Amino acid sequence: MLVFASPLAADQKTYAGEEAAALRCANTLAFTAIALEQSGGIGPLERDVMLDITVGILAGHVTGTWRQKKAALRVVRDRRDPLETVEDFQRFAYQCLVQFPVN
C-alpha cells in the first residue's frame, strides 16, 4: 500500500510498507472510536483512549511532519468506506496494537 500525503509538492510525502500499515491502523482506530462513541457503544473516556493510541502510533511509527501525517490519514480515510474500516477494526485491531506499540 502506498499513501501519498499533502497536496503541496514541497510538503508531499509518500508512505509505504510499515509506515503505510501504521497509517491504516491509526485511521482504523480513530474512525472506529468516533463511530462507536456516536452510536453509544463506548463513552468519551474510551474514545479518548483510542484516539490517544492513534496519536501514539503516528508519533512513534510514522515519519514526517504532523501536516504530512494528517494528509496521509485523509488519503487512507478516503480510500476506505465506513463498513470496510469497521471490518478492518474487527480483524486487525489487536494486530495493530502488537505491531505498533505505543508504550
PDB file of N, CA and C in Angstrom:
ATOM      1  N   MET A   1       0.845  -1.172   0.000  1.00  0.00           N
ATOM      2  CA  MET A   1       0.000   0.000   0.000  1.00  0.00           C
ATOM      3  C   MET A   1       0.888   1.231   0.000  1.00  0.00           C
ATOM      4  N   LEU A   2       0.617   2.163  -0.894  1.00  0.00           N
ATOM      5  CA  LEU A   2       1.297   3.446  -0.915  1.00  0.00           C
ATOM      6  C   LEU A   2       0.301   4.512  -0.505  1.00  0.00           C
ATOM      7  N   VAL A   3       0.744   5.432   0.303  1.00  0.00           N
ATOM      8  CA  VAL A   3      -0.086   6.545   0.740  1.00  0.00           C
ATOM      9  C   VAL A   3       0.671   7.815   0.416  1.00  0.00           C
ATOM     10  N   PHE A   4       0.037   8.710  -0.312  1.00  0.00           N
ATOM     11  CA  PHE A   4       0.635   9.993  -0.647  1.00  0.00           C
ATOM     12  C   PHE A   4       0.038  11.052   0.257  1.00  0.00           C
ATOM     13  N   ALA A   5       0.884  11.859   0.824  1.00  0.00           N
ATOM     14  CA  ALA A   5       0.418  12.883   1.765  1.00  0.00           C
ATOM     15  C   ALA A   5       0.639  14.272   1.205  1.00  0.00           C
ATOM     16  N   SER A   6      -0.226  15.169   1.562  1.00  0.00           N
ATOM     17  CA  SER A   6      -0.141  16.598   1.319  1.00  0.00           C
ATOM     18  C   SER A   6      -0.178  16.975  -0.159  1.00  0.00           C
ATOM     19  N   PRO A   7      -1.125  17.800  -0.512  1.00  0.00           N
ATOM     20  CA  PRO A   7      -1.229  18.224  -1.904  1.00  0.00           C
ATOM     21  C   PRO A   7      -0.141  19.215  -2.320  1.00  0.00           C
ATOM     22  N   LEU A   8       0.546  19.828  -1.372  1.00  0.00           N
ATOM     23  CA  LEU A   8       1.609  20.764  -1.708  1.00  0.00           C
ATOM     24  C   LEU A   8       2.865  19.992  -2.086  1.00  0.00           C
ATOM     25  N   ALA A   9       3.379  20.235  -3.273  1.00  0.00           N
ATOM     26  CA  ALA A   9       4.508  19.455  -3.789  1.00  0.00           C
ATOM     27  C   ALA A   9       5.708  19.483  -2.849  1.00  0.00           C
ATOM     28  N   ALA A  10       6.024  20.632  -2.288  1.00  0.00           N
ATOM     29  CA  ALA A  10       7.195  20.730  -1.417  1.00  0.00           C
ATOM     30  C   ALA A  10       7.004  19.978  -0.109  1.00  0.00           C
ATOM     31  N   ASP A  11       5.758  19.782   0.286  1.00  0.00           N
ATOM     32  CA  ASP A  11       5.455  19.134   1.562  1.00  0.00           C
ATOM     33  C   ASP A  11       4.962  17.699   1.361  1.00  0.00           C
ATOM     34  N   GLN A  12       5.023  17.215   0.132  1.00  0.00           N
ATOM     35  CA  GLN A  12       4.482  15.896  -0.173  1.00  0.00           C
ATOM     36  C   GLN A  12       5.384  14.794   0.356  1.00  0.00           C
ATOM     37  N   LYS A  13       4.755  13.749   0.877  1.00  0.00           N
ATOM     38  CA  LYS A  13       5.491  12.587   1.379  1.00  0.00           C
ATOM     39  C   LYS A  13       4.735  11.345   0.968  1.00  0.00           C
ATOM     40  N   THR A  14       5.472  10.335   0.564  1.00  0.00           N
ATOM     41  CA  THR A  14       4.885   9.055   0.205  1.00  0.00           C
ATOM     42  C   THR A  14       5.226   8.044   1.287  1.00  0.00           C
ATOM     43  N   TYR A  15       4.206   7.330   1.738  1.00  0.00           N
ATOM     44  CA  TYR A  15       4.400   6.310   2.765  1.00  0.00           C
ATOM     45  C   TYR A  15       4.187   4.935   2.140  1.00  0.00           C
ATOM     46  N   ALA A  16       5.008   3.987   2.563  1.00  0.00           N
ATOM     47  CA  ALA A  16       4.892   2.617   2.082  1.00  0.00           C
ATOM     48  C   ALA A  16       5.277   1.675   3.213  1.00  0.00           C
ATOM     49  N   GLY A  17       5.018   0.411   3.025  1.00  0.00           N
ATOM     50  CA  GLY A  17       5.449  -0.608   3.964  1.00  0.00           C
ATOM     51  C   GLY A  17       4.892  -0.421   5.358  1.00  0.00           C
ATOM     52  N   GLU A  18       5.779  -0.476   6.360  1.00  0.00           N
ATOM     53  CA  GLU A  18       5.379  -0.391   7.760  1.00  0.00           C
ATOM     54  C   GLU A  18       4.673   0.928   8.079  1.00  0.00           C
ATOM     55  N   GLU A  19       5.167   2.011   7.495  1.00  0.00           N
ATOM     56  CA  GLU A  19       4.539   3.297   7.783  1.00  0.00           C
ATOM     57  C   GLU A  19       3.126   3.368   7.213  1.00  0.00           C
ATOM     58  N   ALA A  20       2.930   2.839   6.021  1.00  0.00           N
ATOM     59  CA  ALA A  20       1.582   2.805   5.446  1.00  0.00           C
ATOM     60  C   ALA A  20       0.667   1.923   6.289  1.00  0.00           C
ATOM     61  N   ALA A  21       1.193   0.813   6.790  1.00  0.00           N
ATOM     62  CA  ALA A  21       0.405  -0.057   7.670  1.00  0.00           C
ATOM     63  C   ALA A  21       0.053   0.656   8.966  1.00  0.00           C
ATOM     64  N   ALA A  22       0.998   1.417   9.514  1.00  0.00           N
ATOM     65  CA  ALA A  22       0.729   2.182  10.737  1.00  0.00           C
ATOM     66  C   ALA A  22      -0.343   3.234  10.483  1.00  0.00           C
ATOM     67  N   LEU A  23      -0.298   3.880   9.338  1.00  0.00           N
ATOM     68  CA  LEU A  23      -1.325   4.863   8.994  1.00  0.00           C
ATOM     69  C   LEU A  23      -2.701   4.204   8.890  1.00  0.00           C
ATOM     70  N   ARG A  24      -2.743   3.046   8.287  1.00  0.00           N
ATOM     71  CA  ARG A  24      -4.029   2.342   8.169  1.00  0.00           C
ATOM     72  C   ARG A  24      -4.555   1.939   9.550  1.00  0.00           C
ATOM     73  N   CYS A  25      -3.665   1.471  10.414  1.00  0.00           N
ATOM     74  CA  CYS A  25      -4.078   1.138  11.782  1.00  0.00           C
ATOM     75  C   CYS A  25      -4.583   2.377  12.511  1.00  0.00           C
ATOM     76  N   ALA A  26      -3.853   3.475  12.400  1.00  0.00           N
ATOM     77  CA  ALA A  26      -4.263   4.706  13.075  1.00  0.00           C
ATOM     78  C   ALA A  26      -5.622   5.163  12.572  1.00  0.00           C
ATOM     79  N   ASN A  27      -5.830   5.120  11.284  1.00  0.00           N
ATOM     80  CA  ASN A  27      -7.119   5.502  10.711  1.00  0.00           C
ATOM     81  C   ASN A  27      -8.229   4.595  11.217  1.00  0.00           C
ATOM     82  N   THR A  28      -7.977   3.309  11.238  1.00  0.00           N
ATOM     83  CA  THR A  28      -8.989   2.348  11.685  1.00  0.00           C
ATOM     84  C   THR A  28      -9.377   2.588  13.133  1.00  0.00           C
ATOM     85  N   LEU A  29      -8.396   2.792  13.983  1.00  0.00           N
ATOM     86  CA  LEU A  29      -8.682   3.039  15.399  1.00  0.00           C
ATOM     87  C   LEU A  29      -9.430   4.355  15.603  1.00  0.00           C
ATOM     88  N   ALA A  30      -8.983   5.407  14.931  1.00  0.00           N
ATOM     89  CA  ALA A  30      -9.624   6.714  15.100  1.00  0.00           C
ATOM     90  C   ALA A  30     -11.059   6.701  14.591  1.00  0.00           C
ATOM     91  N   PHE A  31     -11.255   6.177  13.396  1.00  0.00           N
ATOM     92  CA  PHE A  31     -12.602   6.142  12.818  1.00  0.00           C
ATOM     93  C   PHE A  31     -13.540   5.323  13.696  1.00  0.00           C
ATOM     94  N   THR A  32     -13.083   4.167  14.126  1.00  0.00           N
ATOM     95  CA  THR A  32     -13.927   3.281  14.933  1.00  0.00           C
ATOM     96  C   THR A  32     -14.230   3.905  16.284  1.00  0.00           C
ATOM     97  N   ALA A  33     -13.265   4.593  16.883  1.00  0.00           N
ATOM     98  CA  ALA A  33     -13.504   5.261  18.163  1.00  0.00           C
ATOM     99  C   ALA A  33     -14.636   6.270  18.040  1.00  0.00           C
ATOM    100  N   ILE A  34     -14.599   7.073  16.998  1.00  0.00           N
ATOM    101  CA  ILE A  34     -15.633   8.089  16.794  1.00  0.00           C
ATOM    102  C   ILE A  34     -16.975   7.431  16.512  1.00  0.00           C
ATOM    103  N   ALA A  35     -16.969   6.421  15.642  1.00  0.00           N
ATOM    104  CA  ALA A  35     -18.227   5.740  15.290  1.00  0.00           C
ATOM    105  C   ALA A  35     -18.845   5.046  16.501  1.00  0.00           C
ATOM    106  N   LEU A  36     -18.017   4.379  17.305  1.00  0.00           N
ATOM    107  CA  LEU A  36     -18.544   3.692  18.483  1.00  0.00           C
ATOM    108  C   LEU A  36     -19.117   4.676  19.500  1.00  0.00           C
ATOM    109  N   GLU A  37     -18.424   5.791  19.694  1.00  0.00           N
ATOM    110  CA  GLU A  37     -18.937   6.769  20.649  1.00  0.00           C
ATOM    111  C   GLU A  37     -20.245   7.383  20.151  1.00  0.00           C
ATOM    112  N   GLN A  38     -20.304   7.708  18.863  1.00  0.00           N
ATOM    113  CA  GLN A  38     -21.522   8.309  18.312  1.00  0.00           C
ATOM    114  C   GLN A  38     -22.720   7.358  18.378  1.00  0.00           C
ATOM    115  N   SER A  39     -22.457   6.067  18.316  1.00  0.00           N
ATOM    116  CA  SER A  39     -23.548   5.086  18.362  1.00  0.00           C
ATOM    117  C   SER A  39     -23.863   4.635  19.783  1.00  0.00           C
ATOM    118  N   GLY A  40     -23.129   5.155  20.769  1.00  0.00           N
ATOM    119  CA  GLY A  40     -23.363   4.779  22.157  1.00  0.00           C
ATOM    120  C   GLY A  40     -22.650   3.510  22.584  1.00  0.00           C
ATOM    121  N   GLY A  41     -21.786   2.981  21.727  1.00  0.00           N
ATOM    122  CA  GLY A  41     -21.067   1.748  22.041  1.00  0.00           C
ATOM    123  C   GLY A  41     -19.968   1.916  23.072  1.00  0.00           C
ATOM    124  N   ILE A  42     -19.392   3.111  23.139  1.00  0.00           N
ATOM    125  CA  ILE A  42     -18.383   3.426  24.140  1.00  0.00           C
ATOM    126  C   ILE A  42     -18.620   4.861  24.600  1.00  0.00           C
ATOM    127  N   GLY A  43     -18.007   5.207  25.713  1.00  0.00           N
ATOM    128  CA  GLY A  43     -18.132   6.564  26.233  1.00  0.00           C
ATOM    129  C   GLY A  43     -16.972   7.430  25.799  1.00  0.00           C
ATOM    130  N   PRO A  44     -17.013   8.695  26.194  1.00  0.00           N
ATOM    131  CA  PRO A  44     -15.941   9.628  25.821  1.00  0.00           C
ATOM    132  C   PRO A  44     -14.561   9.217  26.328  1.00  0.00           C
ATOM    133  N   LEU A  45     -14.492   8.622  27.502  1.00  0.00           N
ATOM    134  CA  LEU A  45     -13.201   8.207  28.042  1.00  0.00           C
ATOM    135  C   LEU A  45     -12.567   7.131  27.160  1.00  0.00           C
ATOM    136  N   GLU A  46     -13.346   6.128  26.787  1.00  0.00           N
ATOM    137  CA  GLU A  46     -12.823   5.058  25.919  1.00  0.00           C
ATOM    138  C   GLU A  46     -12.438   5.620  24.549  1.00  0.00           C
ATOM    139  N   ARG A  47     -13.256   6.537  24.034  1.00  0.00           N
ATOM    140  CA  ARG A  47     -12.926   7.183  22.762  1.00  0.00           C
ATOM    141  C   ARG A  47     -11.588   7.900  22.870  1.00  0.00           C
ATOM    142  N   ASP A  48     -11.403   8.645  23.947  1.00  0.00           N
ATOM    143  CA  ASP A  48     -10.156   9.382  24.119  1.00  0.00           C
ATOM    144  C   ASP A  48      -8.950   8.455  24.223  1.00  0.00           C
ATOM    145  N   VAL A  49      -9.114   7.323  24.889  1.00  0.00           N
ATOM    146  CA  VAL A  49      -8.022   6.346  24.973  1.00  0.00           C
ATOM    147  C   VAL A  49      -7.657   5.850  23.579  1.00  0.00           C
ATOM    148  N   MET A  50      -8.679   5.513  22.791  1.00  0.00           N
ATOM    149  CA  MET A  50      -8.415   5.035  21.426  1.00  0.00           C
ATOM    150  C   MET A  50      -7.758   6.119  20.581  1.00  0.00           C
ATOM    151  N   LEU A  51      -8.181   7.355  20.733  1.00  0.00           N
ATOM    152  CA  LEU A  51      -7.568   8.447  19.971  1.00  0.00           C
ATOM    153  C   LEU A  51      -6.142   8.710  20.440  1.00  0.00           C
ATOM    154  N   ASP A  52      -5.878   8.553  21.732  1.00  0.00           N
ATOM    155  CA  ASP A  52      -4.507   8.683  22.240  1.00  0.00           C
ATOM    156  C   ASP A  52      -3.606   7.596  21.650  1.00  0.00           C
ATOM    157  N   ILE A  53      -4.129   6.398  21.515  1.00  0.00           N
ATOM    158  CA  ILE A  53      -3.365   5.309  20.889  1.00  0.00           C
ATOM    159  C   ILE A  53      -3.060   5.666  19.441  1.00  0.00           C
ATOM    160  N   THR A  54      -4.040   6.236  18.751  1.00  0.00           N
ATOM    161  CA  THR A  54      -3.844   6.669  17.367  1.00  0.00           C
ATOM    162  C   THR A  54      -2.694   7.672  17.273  1.00  0.00           C
ATOM    163  N   VAL A  55      -2.694   8.653  18.153  1.00  0.00           N
ATOM    164  CA  VAL A  55      -1.626   9.656  18.159  1.00  0.00           C
ATOM    165  C   VAL A  55      -0.288   8.991  18.462  1.00  0.00           C
ATOM    166  N   GLY A  56      -0.280   8.035  19.393  1.00  0.00           N
ATOM    167  CA  GLY A  56       0.946   7.311  19.709  1.00  0.00           C
ATOM    168  C   GLY A  56       1.497   6.531  18.526  1.00  0.00           C
ATOM    169  N   ILE A  57       0.604   5.914  17.773  1.00  0.00           N
ATOM    170  CA  ILE A  57       1.036   5.185  16.573  1.00  0.00           C
ATOM    171  C   ILE A  57       1.650   6.162  15.572  1.00  0.00           C
ATOM    172  N   LEU A  58       0.984   7.276  15.354  1.00  0.00           N
ATOM    173  CA  LEU A  58       1.513   8.262  14.407  1.00  0.00           C
ATOM    174  C   LEU A  58       2.846   8.832  14.874  1.00  0.00           C
ATOM    175  N   ALA A  59       2.947   9.135  16.158  1.00  0.00           N
ATOM    176  CA  ALA A  59       4.172   9.734  16.692  1.00  0.00           C
ATOM    177  C   ALA A  59       5.339   8.753  16.672  1.00  0.00           C
ATOM    178  N   GLY A  60       5.066   7.508  16.986  1.00  0.00           N
ATOM    179  CA  GLY A  60       6.150   6.547  17.140  1.00  0.00           C
ATOM    180  C   GLY A  60       6.496   5.707  15.929  1.00  0.00           C
ATOM    181  N   HIS A  61       5.596   5.666  14.943  1.00  0.00           N
ATOM    182  CA  HIS A  61       5.800   4.720  13.849  1.00  0.00           C
ATOM    183  C   HIS A  61       5.670   5.316  12.454  1.00  0.00           C
ATOM    184  N   VAL A  62       5.408   6.616  12.384  1.00  0.00           N
ATOM    185  CA  VAL A  62       5.259   7.273  11.083  1.00  0.00           C
ATOM    186  C   VAL A  62       6.146   8.517  11.080  1.00  0.00           C
ATOM    187  N   THR A  63       6.989   8.634  10.071  1.00  0.00           N
ATOM    188  CA  THR A  63       7.874   9.790   9.959  1.00  0.00           C
ATOM    189  C   THR A  63       7.154  10.939   9.249  1.00  0.00           C
ATOM    190  N   GLY A  64       7.758  12.098   9.333  1.00  0.00           N
ATOM    191  CA  GLY A  64       7.201  13.268   8.646  1.00  0.00           C
ATOM    192  C   GLY A  64       6.607  14.245   9.633  1.00  0.00           C
ATOM    193  N   THR A  65       6.154  15.340   9.096  1.00  0.00           N
ATOM    194  CA  THR A  65       5.527  16.366   9.918  1.00  0.00           C
ATOM    195  C   THR A  65       4.102  15.948  10.252  1.00  0.00           C
ATOM    196  N   TRP A  66       3.512  16.633  11.252  1.00  0.00           N
ATOM    197  CA  TRP A  66       2.115  16.331  11.584  1.00  0.00           C
ATOM    198  C   TRP A  66       1.213  16.662  10.408  1.00  0.00           C
ATOM    199  N   ARG A  67       1.550  17.686   9.654  1.00  0.00           N
ATOM    200  CA  ARG A  67       0.763  18.034   8.466  1.00  0.00           C
ATOM    201  C   ARG A  67       0.786  16.879   7.458  1.00  0.00           C
ATOM    202  N   GLN A  68       1.951  16.292   7.240  1.00  0.00           N
ATOM    203  CA  GLN A  68       2.072  15.170   6.313  1.00  0.00           C
ATOM    204  C   GLN A  68       1.299  13.954   6.820  1.00  0.00           C
ATOM    205  N   LYS A  69       1.404  13.698   8.106  1.00  0.00           N
ATOM    206  CA  LYS A  69       0.700  12.552   8.692  1.00  0.00           C
ATOM    207  C   LYS A  69      -0.806  12.734   8.583  1.00  0.00           C
ATOM    208  N   LYS A  70      -1.298  13.933   8.882  1.00  0.00           N
ATOM    209  CA  LYS A  70      -2.731  14.195   8.781  1.00  0.00           C
ATOM    210  C   LYS A  70      -3.214  14.090   7.340  1.00  0.00           C
ATOM    211  N   ALA A  71      -2.415  14.576   6.400  1.00  0.00           N
ATOM    212  CA  ALA A  71      -2.776  14.463   4.985  1.00  0.00           C
ATOM    213  C   ALA A  71      -2.837  12.999   4.569  1.00  0.00           C
ATOM    214  N   ALA A  72      -1.893  12.211   5.046  1.00  0.00           N
ATOM    215  CA  ALA A  72      -1.887  10.787   4.722  1.00  0.00           C
ATOM    216  C   ALA A  72      -3.098  10.083   5.330  1.00  0.00           C
ATOM    217  N   LEU A  73      -3.464  10.459   6.546  1.00  0.00           N
ATOM    218  CA  LEU A  73      -4.668   9.882   7.160  1.00  0.00           C
ATOM    219  C   LEU A  73      -5.909  10.196   6.335  1.00  0.00           C
ATOM    220  N   ARG A  74      -5.984  11.406   5.790  1.00  0.00           N
ATOM    221  CA  ARG A  74      -7.125  11.753   4.926  1.00  0.00           C
ATOM    222  C   ARG A  74      -7.157  10.862   3.690  1.00  0.00           C
ATOM    223  N   VAL A  75      -5.986  10.595   3.126  1.00  0.00           N
ATOM    224  CA  VAL A  75      -5.916   9.724   1.950  1.00  0.00           C
ATOM    225  C   VAL A  75      -6.418   8.328   2.300  1.00  0.00           C
ATOM    226  N   VAL A  76      -5.938   7.782   3.416  1.00  0.00           N
ATOM    227  CA  VAL A  76      -6.371   6.448   3.848  1.00  0.00           C
ATOM    228  C   VAL A  76      -7.872   6.450   4.108  1.00  0.00           C
ATOM    229  N   ARG A  77      -8.359   7.453   4.831  1.00  0.00           N
ATOM    230  CA  ARG A  77      -9.784   7.550   5.139  1.00  0.00           C
ATOM    231  C   ARG A  77     -10.629   7.582   3.866  1.00  0.00           C
ATOM    232  N   ASP A  78     -10.191   8.338   2.879  1.00  0.00           N
ATOM    233  CA  ASP A  78     -10.961   8.484   1.651  1.00  0.00           C
ATOM    234  C   ASP A  78     -10.943   7.233   0.778  1.00  0.00           C
ATOM    235  N   ARG A  79      -9.980   6.361   0.990  1.00  0.00           N
ATOM    236  CA  ARG A  79      -9.894   5.117   0.216  1.00  0.00           C
ATOM    237  C   ARG A  79     -10.768   4.003   0.792  1.00  0.00           C
ATOM    238  N   ARG A  80     -11.216   4.156   2.021  1.00  0.00           N
ATOM    239  CA  ARG A  80     -11.982   3.116   2.701  1.00  0.00           C
ATOM    240  C   ARG A  80     -13.385   3.625   2.977  1.00  0.00           C
ATOM    241  N   ASP A  81     -14.379   2.790   2.763  1.00  0.00           N
ATOM    242  CA  ASP A  81     -15.710   3.213   3.183  1.00  0.00           C
ATOM    243  C   ASP A  81     -15.882   2.838   4.655  1.00  0.00           C
ATOM    244  N   PRO A  82     -16.874   3.419   5.322  1.00  0.00           N
ATOM    245  CA  PRO A  82     -17.026   3.175   6.762  1.00  0.00           C
ATOM    246  C   PRO A  82     -17.144   1.690   7.126  1.00  0.00           C
ATOM    247  N   LEU A  83     -17.879   0.921   6.357  1.00  0.00           N
ATOM    248  CA  LEU A  83     -18.033  -0.503   6.663  1.00  0.00           C
ATOM    249  C   LEU A  83     -16.690  -1.229   6.567  1.00  0.00           C
ATOM    250  N   GLU A  84     -15.910  -0.934   5.546  1.00  0.00           N
ATOM    251  CA  GLU A  84     -14.590  -1.557   5.409  1.00  0.00           C
ATOM    252  C   GLU A  84     -13.692  -1.206   6.602  1.00  0.00           C
ATOM    253  N   THR A  85     -13.790   0.023   7.069  1.00  0.00           N
ATOM    254  CA  THR A  85     -12.955   0.454   8.189  1.00  0.00           C
ATOM    255  C   THR A  85     -13.336  -0.280   9.468  1.00  0.00           C
ATOM    256  N   VAL A  86     -14.629  -0.423   9.728  1.00  0.00           N
ATOM    257  CA  VAL A  86     -15.068  -1.161  10.915  1.00  0.00           C
ATOM    258  C   VAL A  86     -14.678  -2.631  10.799  1.00  0.00           C
ATOM    259  N   GLU A  87     -14.801  -3.200   9.611  1.00  0.00           N
ATOM    260  CA  GLU A  87     -14.361  -4.589   9.406  1.00  0.00           C
ATOM    261  C   GLU A  87     -12.856  -4.713   9.641  1.00  0.00           C
ATOM    262  N   ASP A  88     -12.085  -3.736   9.198  1.00  0.00           N
ATOM    263  CA  ASP A  88     -10.640  -3.732   9.468  1.00  0.00           C
ATOM    264  C   ASP A  88     -10.398  -3.733  10.974  1.00  0.00           C
ATOM    265  N   PHE A  89     -11.162  -2.928  11.708  1.00  0.00           N
ATOM    266  CA  PHE A  89     -11.010  -2.874  13.160  1.00  0.00           C
ATOM    267  C   PHE A  89     -11.271  -4.247  13.767  1.00  0.00           C
ATOM    268  N   GLN A  90     -12.336  -4.892  13.344  1.00  0.00           N
ATOM    269  CA  GLN A  90     -12.672  -6.217  13.889  1.00  0.00           C
ATOM    270  C   GLN A  90     -11.583  -7.234  13.594  1.00  0.00           C
ATOM    271  N   ARG A  91     -10.982  -7.156  12.426  1.00  0.00           N
ATOM    272  CA  ARG A  91      -9.959  -8.132  12.039  1.00  0.00           C
ATOM    273  C   ARG A  91      -8.575  -7.788  12.561  1.00  0.00           C
ATOM    274  N   PHE A  92      -8.225  -6.491  12.597  1.00  0.00           N
ATOM    275  CA  PHE A  92      -6.824  -6.126  12.783  1.00  0.00           C
ATOM    276  C   PHE A  92      -6.496  -5.298  14.017  1.00  0.00           C
ATOM    277  N   ALA A  93      -7.454  -4.948  14.842  1.00  0.00           N
ATOM    278  CA  ALA A  93      -7.168  -4.057  15.978  1.00  0.00           C
ATOM    279  C   ALA A  93      -6.082  -4.634  16.883  1.00  0.00           C
ATOM    280  N   TYR A  94      -6.222  -5.885  17.256  1.00  0.00           N
ATOM    281  CA  TYR A  94      -5.227  -6.491  18.138  1.00  0.00           C
ATOM    282  C   TYR A  94      -3.852  -6.504  17.463  1.00  0.00           C
ATOM    283  N   GLN A  95      -3.813  -6.908  16.209  1.00  0.00           N
ATOM    284  CA  GLN A  95      -2.553  -6.943  15.461  1.00  0.00           C
ATOM    285  C   GLN A  95      -1.926  -5.550  15.395  1.00  0.00           C
ATOM    286  N   CYS A  96      -2.741  -4.523  15.210  1.00  0.00           N
ATOM    287  CA  CYS A  96      -2.234  -3.150  15.168  1.00  0.00           C
ATOM    288  C   CYS A  96      -1.544  -2.788  16.480  1.00  0.00           C
ATOM    289  N   LEU A  97      -2.172  -3.143  17.583  1.00  0.00           N
ATOM    290  CA  LEU A  97      -1.612  -2.804  18.889  1.00  0.00           C
ATOM    291  C   LEU A  97      -0.310  -3.554  19.160  1.00  0.00           C
ATOM    292  N   VAL A  98      -0.211  -4.771  18.663  1.00  0.00           N
ATOM    293  CA  VAL A  98       1.016  -5.559  18.844  1.00  0.00           C
ATOM    294  C   VAL A  98       2.109  -5.039  17.914  1.00  0.00           C
ATOM    295  N   GLN A  99       1.738  -4.792  16.662  1.00  0.00           N
ATOM    296  CA  GLN A  99       2.722  -4.359  15.657  1.00  0.00           C
ATOM    297  C   GLN A  99       3.215  -2.932  15.883  1.00  0.00           C
ATOM    298  N   PHE A 100       2.339  -2.077  16.421  1.00  0.00           N
ATOM    299  CA  PHE A 100       2.690  -0.664  16.614  1.00  0.00           C
ATOM    300  C   PHE A 100       2.439  -0.249  18.064  1.00  0.00           C
ATOM    301  N   PRO A 101       3.263  -0.757  18.984  1.00  0.00           N
ATOM    302  CA  PRO A 101       3.075  -0.427  20.398  1.00  0.00           C
ATOM    303  C   PRO A 101       3.315   1.056  20.660  1.00  0.00           C
ATOM    304  N   VAL A 102       2.609   1.568  21.638  1.00  0.00           N
ATOM    305  CA  VAL A 102       2.722   2.992  21.966  1.00  0.00           C
ATOM    306  C   VAL A 102       3.310   3.221  23.344  1.00  0.00           C
ATOM    307  N   ASN A 103       3.657   2.177  24.055  1.00  0.00           N
ATOM    308  CA  ASN A 103       4.239   2.328  25.399  1.00  0.00           C
ATOM    309  C   ASN A 103       5.740   2.490  25.298  1.00  0.00           C
TER     310      ASN A 103
END
